[in-house]
């Protein structure tokens, strides 16, 4: 049922919370 990794879901949540910081990190990490 839940094949997607929890890290992706968590990353999305953190991205929304951090916003700019996550945006930059995701861009560099490849979110």
N, C-alpha and C. Protein backbone atom coordinates (compact mmCIF):
# COMPACT_ATOMS: atom_id res chain seq x y z
N UNK A 1 0.84 -1.20 0.00
CA UNK A 1 0.00 0.00 0.00
C UNK A 1 0.88 1.26 0.00
N UNK A 2 1.76 1.33 0.99
CA UNK A 2 2.65 2.50 1.07
C UNK A 2 4.03 2.12 0.54
N UNK A 3 4.15 2.20 -0.75
CA UNK A 3 5.44 1.83 -1.36
C UNK A 3 6.44 2.99 -1.28
N UNK A 4 5.91 4.20 -1.33
CA UNK A 4 6.80 5.36 -1.27
C UNK A 4 7.52 5.42 0.07
N UNK A 5 8.79 5.79 0.05
CA UNK A 5 9.58 5.90 1.28
C UNK A 5 9.09 7.03 2.18
N UNK A 6 9.17 6.80 3.47
CA UNK A 6 8.71 7.82 4.43
C UNK A 6 9.60 9.05 4.35
N UNK A 7 10.85 8.83 3.91
CA UNK A 7 11.79 9.97 3.83
C UNK A 7 11.26 11.02 2.86
N UNK A 8 10.63 10.55 1.79
CA UNK A 8 10.11 11.49 0.80
C UNK A 8 8.98 12.31 1.40
N UNK A 9 8.09 11.59 2.11
CA UNK A 9 6.96 12.28 2.74
C UNK A 9 7.46 13.28 3.78
N UNK A 10 8.43 12.82 4.59
CA UNK A 10 8.99 13.67 5.63
C UNK A 10 9.68 14.88 5.00
N UNK A 11 10.41 14.62 3.93
CA UNK A 11 11.11 15.71 3.25
C UNK A 11 10.12 16.77 2.77
N UNK A 12 8.99 16.31 2.25
CA UNK A 12 7.98 17.26 1.75
C UNK A 12 7.45 18.10 2.89
N UNK A 13 7.20 17.47 4.02
CA UNK A 13 6.69 18.19 5.18
C UNK A 13 7.71 19.21 5.68
N UNK A 14 8.96 18.75 5.78
CA UNK A 14 10.02 19.65 6.25
C UNK A 14 10.18 20.80 5.26
N UNK A 15 10.09 20.47 3.98
CA UNK A 15 10.24 21.50 2.94
C UNK A 15 9.22 22.60 3.18
N UNK A 16 8.03 22.22 3.52
CA UNK A 16 6.95 23.20 3.73
C UNK A 16 7.25 24.02 4.99
N UNK A 17 7.83 23.34 5.98
CA UNK A 17 8.12 24.04 7.23
C UNK A 17 9.32 24.97 7.06
N UNK A 18 10.39 24.42 6.51
CA UNK A 18 11.60 25.24 6.33
C UNK A 18 11.42 26.20 5.16
N UNK A 19 10.87 25.66 4.07
CA UNK A 19 10.63 26.53 2.92
C UNK A 19 11.91 26.80 2.15
N UNK A 20 12.48 27.94 2.40
CA UNK A 20 13.67 28.36 1.63
C UNK A 20 14.84 27.42 1.88
N UNK A 21 15.09 27.09 3.14
CA UNK A 21 16.22 26.22 3.48
C UNK A 21 16.07 24.87 2.77
N UNK A 22 14.89 24.30 2.85
CA UNK A 22 14.66 22.99 2.22
C UNK A 22 14.74 23.14 0.71
N UNK A 23 14.21 24.23 0.20
CA UNK A 23 14.22 24.44 -1.25
C UNK A 23 15.64 24.38 -1.76
N UNK A 24 16.53 25.08 -1.08
CA UNK A 24 17.94 25.11 -1.48
C UNK A 24 18.55 23.72 -1.30
N UNK A 25 18.25 23.09 -0.16
CA UNK A 25 18.79 21.75 0.12
C UNK A 25 18.27 20.73 -0.90
N UNK A 26 16.98 20.79 -1.16
CA UNK A 26 16.38 19.85 -2.11
C UNK A 26 17.01 20.04 -3.49
N UNK A 27 17.19 21.27 -3.87
CA UNK A 27 17.75 21.57 -5.18
C UNK A 27 19.16 21.00 -5.29
N UNK A 28 19.90 21.13 -4.19
CA UNK A 28 21.28 20.63 -4.17
C UNK A 28 21.31 19.12 -4.01
N UNK A 29 20.37 18.59 -3.22
CA UNK A 29 20.32 17.16 -2.95
C UNK A 29 19.57 16.43 -4.06
N UNK A 30 18.57 17.11 -4.62
CA UNK A 30 17.78 16.48 -5.68
C UNK A 30 16.47 15.95 -5.15
N UNK A 31 15.77 16.82 -4.38
CA UNK A 31 14.49 16.40 -3.82
C UNK A 31 13.48 16.31 -4.96
